[in-house]
Amino acid sequence: LGRRPLGILVGTGTAAGQAEAVLRTRGVRPVRTT
């Protein structure tokens, strides 16, 4: 892309919370839906 990606994150609970933290740390803009 040559830019910061936009990520759609699907999920709830601990796994989704960890995934969101990983995405933010790696430079992704996460948008989460439960």
PDB file of all heavy atoms in Angstrom:
ATOM      1  N   LEU A   1       0.807  -1.222   0.000  1.00  0.00           N
ATOM      2  CA  LEU A   1       0.000   0.000   0.000  1.00  0.00           C
ATOM      3  C   LEU A   1       0.844   1.277   0.000  1.00  0.00           C
ATOM      4  O   LEU A   1       0.403   2.313  -0.510  1.00  0.00           O
ATOM      5  CB  LEU A   1      -0.917   0.018   1.229  1.00  0.00           C
ATOM      6  CG  LEU A   1      -1.979  -1.087   1.316  1.00  0.00           C
ATOM      7  CD1 LEU A   1      -2.609  -1.111   2.703  1.00  0.00           C
ATOM      8  CD2 LEU A   1      -3.045  -0.894   0.241  1.00  0.00           C
ATOM      9  N   GLY A   2       2.002   1.195   0.614  1.00  0.00           N
ATOM     10  CA  GLY A   2       2.820   2.395   0.749  1.00  0.00           C
ATOM     11  C   GLY A   2       2.279   3.364   1.784  1.00  0.00           C
ATOM     12  O   GLY A   2       2.628   4.555   1.772  1.00  0.00           O
ATOM     13  N   ARG A   3       1.459   2.865   2.673  1.00  0.00           N
ATOM     14  CA  ARG A   3       0.862   3.712   3.711  1.00  0.00           C
ATOM     15  C   ARG A   3       0.426   2.831   4.877  1.00  0.00           C
ATOM     16  O   ARG A   3       0.533   1.603   4.811  1.00  0.00           O
ATOM     17  CB  ARG A   3      -0.351   4.469   3.161  1.00  0.00           C
ATOM     18  CG  ARG A   3      -1.438   3.567   2.623  1.00  0.00           C
ATOM     19  CD  ARG A   3      -2.704   4.329   2.265  1.00  0.00           C
ATOM     20  NE  ARG A   3      -3.669   3.506   1.558  1.00  0.00           N
ATOM     21  CZ  ARG A   3      -4.483   2.630   2.129  1.00  0.00           C
ATOM     22  NH1 ARG A   3      -4.446   2.449   3.454  1.00  0.00           N
ATOM     23  NH2 ARG A   3      -5.333   1.926   1.407  1.00  0.00           N
ATOM     24  N   ARG A   4      -0.090   3.472   5.913  1.00  0.00           N
ATOM     25  CA  ARG A   4      -0.597   2.763   7.079  1.00  0.00           C
ATOM     26  C   ARG A   4      -1.918   2.063   6.725  1.00  0.00           C
ATOM     27  O   ARG A   4      -2.850   2.702   6.242  1.00  0.00           O
ATOM     28  CB  ARG A   4      -0.828   3.764   8.204  1.00  0.00           C
ATOM     29  CG  ARG A   4      -1.242   3.160   9.526  1.00  0.00           C
ATOM     30  CD  ARG A   4      -1.487   4.270  10.546  1.00  0.00           C
ATOM     31  NE  ARG A   4      -1.873   3.743  11.844  1.00  0.00           N
ATOM     32  CZ  ARG A   4      -2.318   4.478  12.845  1.00  0.00           C
ATOM     33  NH1 ARG A   4      -2.442   5.800  12.680  1.00  0.00           N
ATOM     34  NH2 ARG A   4      -2.643   3.930  14.007  1.00  0.00           N
ATOM     35  N   PRO A   5      -2.025   0.753   6.935  1.00  0.00           N
ATOM     36  CA  PRO A   5      -3.251   0.038   6.554  1.00  0.00           C
ATOM     37  C   PRO A   5      -4.424   0.320   7.504  1.00  0.00           C
ATOM     38  O   PRO A   5      -4.235   0.637   8.671  1.00  0.00           O
ATOM     39  CB  PRO A   5      -2.857  -1.435   6.630  1.00  0.00           C
ATOM     40  CG  PRO A   5      -1.375  -1.454   6.784  1.00  0.00           C
ATOM     41  CD  PRO A   5      -1.000  -0.160   7.427  1.00  0.00           C
ATOM     42  N   LEU A   6      -5.614   0.160   6.959  1.00  0.00           N
ATOM     43  CA  LEU A   6      -6.836   0.182   7.757  1.00  0.00           C
ATOM     44  C   LEU A   6      -7.268  -1.269   7.963  1.00  0.00           C
ATOM     45  O   LEU A   6      -7.460  -2.016   6.999  1.00  0.00           O
ATOM     46  CB  LEU A   6      -7.939   0.958   7.038  1.00  0.00           C
ATOM     47  CG  LEU A   6      -9.323   0.939   7.716  1.00  0.00           C
ATOM     48  CD1 LEU A   6      -9.269   1.623   9.071  1.00  0.00           C
ATOM     49  CD2 LEU A   6     -10.360   1.600   6.810  1.00  0.00           C
ATOM     50  N   GLY A   7      -7.387  -1.687   9.218  1.00  0.00           N
ATOM     51  CA  GLY A   7      -7.744  -3.069   9.514  1.00  0.00           C
ATOM     52  C   GLY A   7      -9.121  -3.189  10.125  1.00  0.00           C
ATOM     53  O   GLY A   7      -9.483  -2.433  11.021  1.00  0.00           O
ATOM     54  N   ILE A   8      -9.904  -4.138   9.622  1.00  0.00           N
ATOM     55  CA  ILE A   8     -11.210  -4.459  10.198  1.00  0.00           C
ATOM     56  C   ILE A   8     -11.009  -5.639  11.145  1.00  0.00           C
ATOM     57  O   ILE A   8     -10.568  -6.717  10.721  1.00  0.00           O
ATOM     58  CB  ILE A   8     -12.232  -4.833   9.114  1.00  0.00           C
ATOM     59  CG1 ILE A   8     -12.306  -3.751   8.039  1.00  0.00           C
ATOM     60  CG2 ILE A   8     -13.595  -5.078   9.744  1.00  0.00           C
ATOM     61  CD1 ILE A   8     -12.720  -2.407   8.539  1.00  0.00           C
ATOM     62  N   LEU A   9     -11.305  -5.434  12.422  1.00  0.00           N
ATOM     63  CA  LEU A   9     -11.114  -6.469  13.433  1.00  0.00           C
ATOM     64  C   LEU A   9     -12.472  -6.974  13.900  1.00  0.00           C
ATOM     65  O   LEU A   9     -13.309  -6.196  14.369  1.00  0.00           O
ATOM     66  CB  LEU A   9     -10.325  -5.909  14.617  1.00  0.00           C
ATOM     67  CG  LEU A   9     -10.142  -6.820  15.835  1.00  0.00           C
ATOM     68  CD1 LEU A   9      -9.406  -8.093  15.464  1.00  0.00           C
ATOM     69  CD2 LEU A   9      -9.406  -6.069  16.951  1.00  0.00           C
ATOM     70  N   VAL A  10     -12.689  -8.277  13.765  1.00  0.00           N
ATOM     71  CA  VAL A  10     -13.954  -8.901  14.149  1.00  0.00           C
ATOM     72  C   VAL A  10     -13.727  -9.750  15.389  1.00  0.00           C
ATOM     73  O   VAL A  10     -12.878 -10.658  15.383  1.00  0.00           O
ATOM     74  CB  VAL A  10     -14.500  -9.793  13.018  1.00  0.00           C
ATOM     75  CG1 VAL A  10     -15.814 -10.443  13.447  1.00  0.00           C
ATOM     76  CG2 VAL A  10     -14.687  -8.981  11.744  1.00  0.00           C
ATOM     77  N   GLY A  11     -14.452  -9.475  16.475  1.00  0.00           N
ATOM     78  CA  GLY A  11     -14.339 -10.327  17.646  1.00  0.00           C
ATOM     79  C   GLY A  11     -14.570  -9.595  18.945  1.00  0.00           C
ATOM     80  O   GLY A  11     -14.609  -8.368  19.002  1.00  0.00           O
ATOM     81  N   THR A  12     -14.738 -10.381  19.991  1.00  0.00           N
ATOM     82  CA  THR A  12     -14.922  -9.846  21.338  1.00  0.00           C
ATOM     83  C   THR A  12     -13.992 -10.604  22.278  1.00  0.00           C
ATOM     84  O   THR A  12     -13.393 -11.606  21.920  1.00  0.00           O
ATOM     85  CB  THR A  12     -16.368 -10.019  21.825  1.00  0.00           C
ATOM     86  OG1 THR A  12     -16.686 -11.425  21.828  1.00  0.00           O
ATOM     87  CG2 THR A  12     -17.353  -9.309  20.920  1.00  0.00           C
ATOM     88  N   GLY A  13     -13.876 -10.127  23.491  1.00  0.00           N
ATOM     89  CA  GLY A  13     -13.128 -10.851  24.502  1.00  0.00           C
ATOM     90  C   GLY A  13     -11.633 -10.605  24.457  1.00  0.00           C
ATOM     91  O   GLY A  13     -11.133  -9.700  23.784  1.00  0.00           O
ATOM     92  N   THR A  14     -10.914 -11.451  25.200  1.00  0.00           N
ATOM     93  CA  THR A  14      -9.476 -11.278  25.384  1.00  0.00           C
ATOM     94  C   THR A  14      -8.707 -11.348  24.071  1.00  0.00           C
ATOM     95  O   THR A  14      -7.792 -10.556  23.824  1.00  0.00           O
ATOM     96  CB  THR A  14      -8.929 -12.339  26.351  1.00  0.00           C
ATOM     97  OG1 THR A  14      -9.668 -12.278  27.581  1.00  0.00           O
ATOM     98  CG2 THR A  14      -7.462 -12.107  26.648  1.00  0.00           C
ATOM     99  N   ALA A  15      -9.060 -12.305  23.214  1.00  0.00           N
ATOM    100  CA  ALA A  15      -8.330 -12.470  21.952  1.00  0.00           C
ATOM    101  C   ALA A  15      -8.439 -11.220  21.089  1.00  0.00           C
ATOM    102  O   ALA A  15      -7.453 -10.756  20.507  1.00  0.00           O
ATOM    103  CB  ALA A  15      -8.862 -13.681  21.195  1.00  0.00           C
ATOM    104  N   ALA A  16      -9.637 -10.637  21.009  1.00  0.00           N
ATOM    105  CA  ALA A  16      -9.818  -9.431  20.207  1.00  0.00           C
ATOM    106  C   ALA A  16      -9.054  -8.255  20.800  1.00  0.00           C
ATOM    107  O   ALA A  16      -8.473  -7.441  20.069  1.00  0.00           O
ATOM    108  CB  ALA A  16     -11.305  -9.097  20.093  1.00  0.00           C
ATOM    109  N   GLY A  17      -9.036  -8.159  22.126  1.00  0.00           N
ATOM    110  CA  GLY A  17      -8.290  -7.086  22.767  1.00  0.00           C
ATOM    111  C   GLY A  17      -6.798  -7.197  22.496  1.00  0.00           C
ATOM    112  O   GLY A  17      -6.127  -6.197  22.212  1.00  0.00           O
ATOM    113  N   GLN A  18      -6.268  -8.413  22.561  1.00  0.00           N
ATOM    114  CA  GLN A  18      -4.854  -8.614  22.255  1.00  0.00           C
ATOM    115  C   GLN A  18      -4.567  -8.312  20.792  1.00  0.00           C
ATOM    116  O   GLN A  18      -3.543  -7.686  20.465  1.00  0.00           O
ATOM    117  CB  GLN A  18      -4.445 -10.051  22.586  1.00  0.00           C
ATOM    118  CG  GLN A  18      -4.385 -10.350  24.072  1.00  0.00           C
ATOM    119  CD  GLN A  18      -3.893 -11.757  24.348  1.00  0.00           C
ATOM    120  OE1 GLN A  18      -3.649 -12.540  23.430  1.00  0.00           O
ATOM    121  NE2 GLN A  18      -3.748 -12.089  25.624  1.00  0.00           N
ATOM    122  N   ALA A  19      -5.451  -8.754  19.901  1.00  0.00           N
ATOM    123  CA  ALA A  19      -5.248  -8.515  18.472  1.00  0.00           C
ATOM    124  C   ALA A  19      -5.233  -7.024  18.164  1.00  0.00           C
ATOM    125  O   ALA A  19      -4.422  -6.549  17.356  1.00  0.00           O
ATOM    126  CB  ALA A  19      -6.345  -9.217  17.671  1.00  0.00           C
ATOM    127  N   GLU A  20      -6.121  -6.277  18.802  1.00  0.00           N
ATOM    128  CA  GLU A  20      -6.158  -4.830  18.577  1.00  0.00           C
ATOM    129  C   GLU A  20      -4.851  -4.184  19.016  1.00  0.00           C
ATOM    130  O   GLU A  20      -4.309  -3.307  18.322  1.00  0.00           O
ATOM    131  CB  GLU A  20      -7.337  -4.215  19.326  1.00  0.00           C
ATOM    132  CG  GLU A  20      -7.477  -2.712  19.085  1.00  0.00           C
ATOM    133  CD  GLU A  20      -8.744  -2.130  19.676  1.00  0.00           C
ATOM    134  OE1 GLU A  20      -9.581  -2.892  20.204  1.00  0.00           O
ATOM    135  OE2 GLU A  20      -8.898  -0.888  19.609  1.00  0.00           O
ATOM    136  N   ALA A  21      -4.319  -4.615  20.162  1.00  0.00           N
ATOM    137  CA  ALA A  21      -3.052  -4.062  20.640  1.00  0.00           C
ATOM    138  C   ALA A  21      -1.911  -4.384  19.683  1.00  0.00           C
ATOM    139  O   ALA A  21      -1.059  -3.536  19.399  1.00  0.00           O
ATOM    140  CB  ALA A  21      -2.751  -4.611  22.029  1.00  0.00           C
ATOM    141  N   VAL A  22      -1.896  -5.612  19.158  1.00  0.00           N
ATOM    142  CA  VAL A  22      -0.858  -6.010  18.207  1.00  0.00           C
ATOM    143  C   VAL A  22      -0.947  -5.174  16.936  1.00  0.00           C
ATOM    144  O   VAL A  22       0.070  -4.681  16.419  1.00  0.00           O
ATOM    145  CB  VAL A  22      -0.972  -7.510  17.872  1.00  0.00           C
ATOM    146  CG1 VAL A  22      -0.054  -7.875  16.700  1.00  0.00           C
ATOM    147  CG2 VAL A  22      -0.633  -8.363  19.079  1.00  0.00           C
ATOM    148  N   LEU A  23      -2.155  -4.976  16.424  1.00  0.00           N
ATOM    149  CA  LEU A  23      -2.339  -4.199  15.197  1.00  0.00           C
ATOM    150  C   LEU A  23      -1.879  -2.753  15.385  1.00  0.00           C
ATOM    151  O   LEU A  23      -1.201  -2.186  14.522  1.00  0.00           O
ATOM    152  CB  LEU A  23      -3.806  -4.242  14.770  1.00  0.00           C
ATOM    153  CG  LEU A  23      -4.310  -5.598  14.254  1.00  0.00           C
ATOM    154  CD1 LEU A  23      -5.823  -5.567  14.058  1.00  0.00           C
ATOM    155  CD2 LEU A  23      -3.623  -5.976  12.942  1.00  0.00           C
ATOM    156  N   ARG A  24      -2.244  -2.159  16.500  1.00  0.00           N
ATOM    157  CA  ARG A  24      -1.833  -0.766  16.754  1.00  0.00           C
ATOM    158  C   ARG A  24      -0.308  -0.665  16.860  1.00  0.00           C
ATOM    159  O   ARG A  24       0.300   0.266  16.327  1.00  0.00           O
ATOM    160  CB  ARG A  24      -2.491  -0.243  18.030  1.00  0.00           C
ATOM    161  CG  ARG A  24      -3.995  -0.024  17.909  1.00  0.00           C
ATOM    162  CD  ARG A  24      -4.559   0.669  19.133  1.00  0.00           C
ATOM    163  NE  ARG A  24      -6.005   0.783  19.066  1.00  0.00           N
ATOM    164  CZ  ARG A  24      -6.653   1.719  18.379  1.00  0.00           C
ATOM    165  NH1 ARG A  24      -5.971   2.634  17.715  1.00  0.00           N
ATOM    166  NH2 ARG A  24      -7.974   1.751  18.368  1.00  0.00           N
ATOM    167  N   THR A  25       0.292  -1.628  17.541  1.00  0.00           N
ATOM    168  CA  THR A  25       1.749  -1.618  17.692  1.00  0.00           C
ATOM    169  C   THR A  25       2.450  -1.749  16.342  1.00  0.00           C
ATOM    170  O   THR A  25       3.497  -1.139  16.109  1.00  0.00           O
ATOM    171  CB  THR A  25       2.194  -2.771  18.606  1.00  0.00           C
ATOM    172  OG1 THR A  25       1.568  -2.622  19.882  1.00  0.00           O
ATOM    173  CG2 THR A  25       3.700  -2.782  18.781  1.00  0.00           C
ATOM    174  N   ARG A  26       1.843  -2.518  15.426  1.00  0.00           N
ATOM    175  CA  ARG A  26       2.451  -2.738  14.114  1.00  0.00           C
ATOM    176  C   ARG A  26       2.119  -1.639  13.111  1.00  0.00           C
ATOM    177  O   ARG A  26       2.517  -1.702  11.954  1.00  0.00           O
ATOM    178  CB  ARG A  26       1.996  -4.084  13.540  1.00  0.00           C
ATOM    179  CG  ARG A  26       2.357  -5.307  14.373  1.00  0.00           C
ATOM    180  CD  ARG A  26       3.851  -5.448  14.578  1.00  0.00           C
ATOM    181  NE  ARG A  26       4.232  -6.763  15.065  1.00  0.00           N
ATOM    182  CZ  ARG A  26       4.201  -7.150  16.333  1.00  0.00           C
ATOM    183  NH1 ARG A  26       3.790  -6.294  17.262  1.00  0.00           N
ATOM    184  NH2 ARG A  26       4.578  -8.357  16.693  1.00  0.00           N
ATOM    185  N   GLY A  27       1.335  -0.633  13.527  1.00  0.00           N
ATOM    186  CA  GLY A  27       1.056   0.493  12.638  1.00  0.00           C
ATOM    187  C   GLY A  27      -0.247   0.429  11.880  1.00  0.00           C
ATOM    188  O   GLY A  27      -0.461   1.200  10.936  1.00  0.00           O
ATOM    189  N   VAL A  28      -1.152  -0.455  12.286  1.00  0.00           N
ATOM    190  CA  VAL A  28      -2.459  -0.567  11.630  1.00  0.00           C
ATOM    191  C   VAL A  28      -3.470   0.306  12.354  1.00  0.00           C
ATOM    192  O   VAL A  28      -3.443   0.438  13.577  1.00  0.00           O
ATOM    193  CB  VAL A  28      -2.936  -2.035  11.634  1.00  0.00           C
ATOM    194  CG1 VAL A  28      -4.346  -2.155  11.061  1.00  0.00           C
ATOM    195  CG2 VAL A  28      -1.968  -2.912  10.853  1.00  0.00           C
ATOM    196  N   ARG A  29      -4.364   0.913  11.587  1.00  0.00           N
ATOM    197  CA  ARG A  29      -5.505   1.626  12.172  1.00  0.00           C
ATOM    198  C   ARG A  29      -6.656   0.626  12.293  1.00  0.00           C
ATOM    199  O   ARG A  29      -7.355   0.358  11.309  1.00  0.00           O
ATOM    200  CB  ARG A  29      -5.918   2.792  11.286  1.00  0.00           C
ATOM    201  CG  ARG A  29      -4.901   3.921  11.192  1.00  0.00           C
ATOM    202  CD  ARG A  29      -5.389   4.989  10.235  1.00  0.00           C
ATOM    203  NE  ARG A  29      -5.473   4.490   8.873  1.00  0.00           N
ATOM    204  CZ  ARG A  29      -6.282   4.976   7.930  1.00  0.00           C
ATOM    205  NH1 ARG A  29      -7.116   5.960   8.222  1.00  0.00           N
ATOM    206  NH2 ARG A  29      -6.273   4.477   6.722  1.00  0.00           N
ATOM    207  N   PRO A  30      -6.890   0.035  13.475  1.00  0.00           N
ATOM    208  CA  PRO A  30      -7.940  -0.973  13.586  1.00  0.00           C
ATOM    209  C   PRO A  30      -9.325  -0.363  13.814  1.00  0.00           C
ATOM    210  O   PRO A  30      -9.489   0.576  14.598  1.00  0.00           O
ATOM    211  CB  PRO A  30      -7.501  -1.801  14.791  1.00  0.00           C
ATOM    212  CG  PRO A  30      -6.731  -0.852  15.631  1.00  0.00           C
ATOM    213  CD  PRO A  30      -6.120   0.172  14.707  1.00  0.00           C
ATOM    214  N   VAL A  31     -10.300  -0.900  13.120  1.00  0.00           N
ATOM    215  CA  VAL A  31     -11.708  -0.572  13.360  1.00  0.00           C
ATOM    216  C   VAL A  31     -12.367  -1.874  13.802  1.00  0.00           C
ATOM    217  O   VAL A  31     -12.396  -2.843  13.048  1.00  0.00           O
ATOM    218  CB  VAL A  31     -12.391  -0.028  12.095  1.00  0.00           C
ATOM    219  CG1 VAL A  31     -13.855   0.270  12.389  1.00  0.00           C
ATOM    220  CG2 VAL A  31     -11.675   1.216  11.594  1.00  0.00           C
ATOM    221  N   ARG A  32     -12.876  -1.880  15.015  1.00  0.00           N
ATOM    222  CA  ARG A  32     -13.345  -3.131  15.606  1.00  0.00           C
ATOM    223  C   ARG A  32     -14.859  -3.221  15.591  1.00  0.00           C
ATOM    224  O   ARG A  32     -15.563  -2.238  15.869  1.00  0.00           O
ATOM    225  CB  ARG A  32     -12.830  -3.227  17.040  1.00  0.00           C
ATOM    226  CG  ARG A  32     -13.156  -4.514  17.769  1.00  0.00           C
ATOM    227  CD  ARG A  32     -12.349  -4.540  19.059  1.00  0.00           C
ATOM    228  NE  ARG A  32     -12.806  -5.554  19.974  1.00  0.00           N
ATOM    229  CZ  ARG A  32     -12.300  -5.743  21.193  1.00  0.00           C
ATOM    230  NH1 ARG A  32     -11.323  -4.962  21.614  1.00  0.00           N
ATOM    231  NH2 ARG A  32     -12.767  -6.693  21.986  1.00  0.00           N
ATOM    232  N   THR A  33     -15.368  -4.410  15.264  1.00  0.00           N
ATOM    233  CA  THR A  33     -16.801  -4.659  15.324  1.00  0.00           C
ATOM    234  C   THR A  33     -17.061  -5.901  16.154  1.00  0.00           C
ATOM    235  O   THR A  33     -16.362  -6.912  16.013  1.00  0.00           O
ATOM    236  CB  THR A  33     -17.414  -4.849  13.926  1.00  0.00           C
ATOM    237  OG1 THR A  33     -18.804  -5.208  14.059  1.00  0.00           O
ATOM    238  CG2 THR A  33     -16.713  -5.947  13.138  1.00  0.00           C
ATOM    239  N   THR A  34     -18.046  -5.803  17.042  1.00  0.00           N
ATOM    240  CA  THR A  34     -18.444  -6.965  17.833  1.00  0.00           C
ATOM    241  C   THR A  34     -19.612  -7.701  17.194  1.00  0.00           C
ATOM    242  O   THR A  34     -19.975  -8.786  17.638  1.00  0.00           O
ATOM    243  CB  THR A  34     -18.837  -6.538  19.255  1.00  0.00           C
ATOM    244  OG1 THR A  34     -19.892  -5.578  19.197  1.00  0.00           O
ATOM    245  CG2 THR A  34     -17.645  -5.915  19.980  1.00  0.00           C
TER     246      THR A  34
END
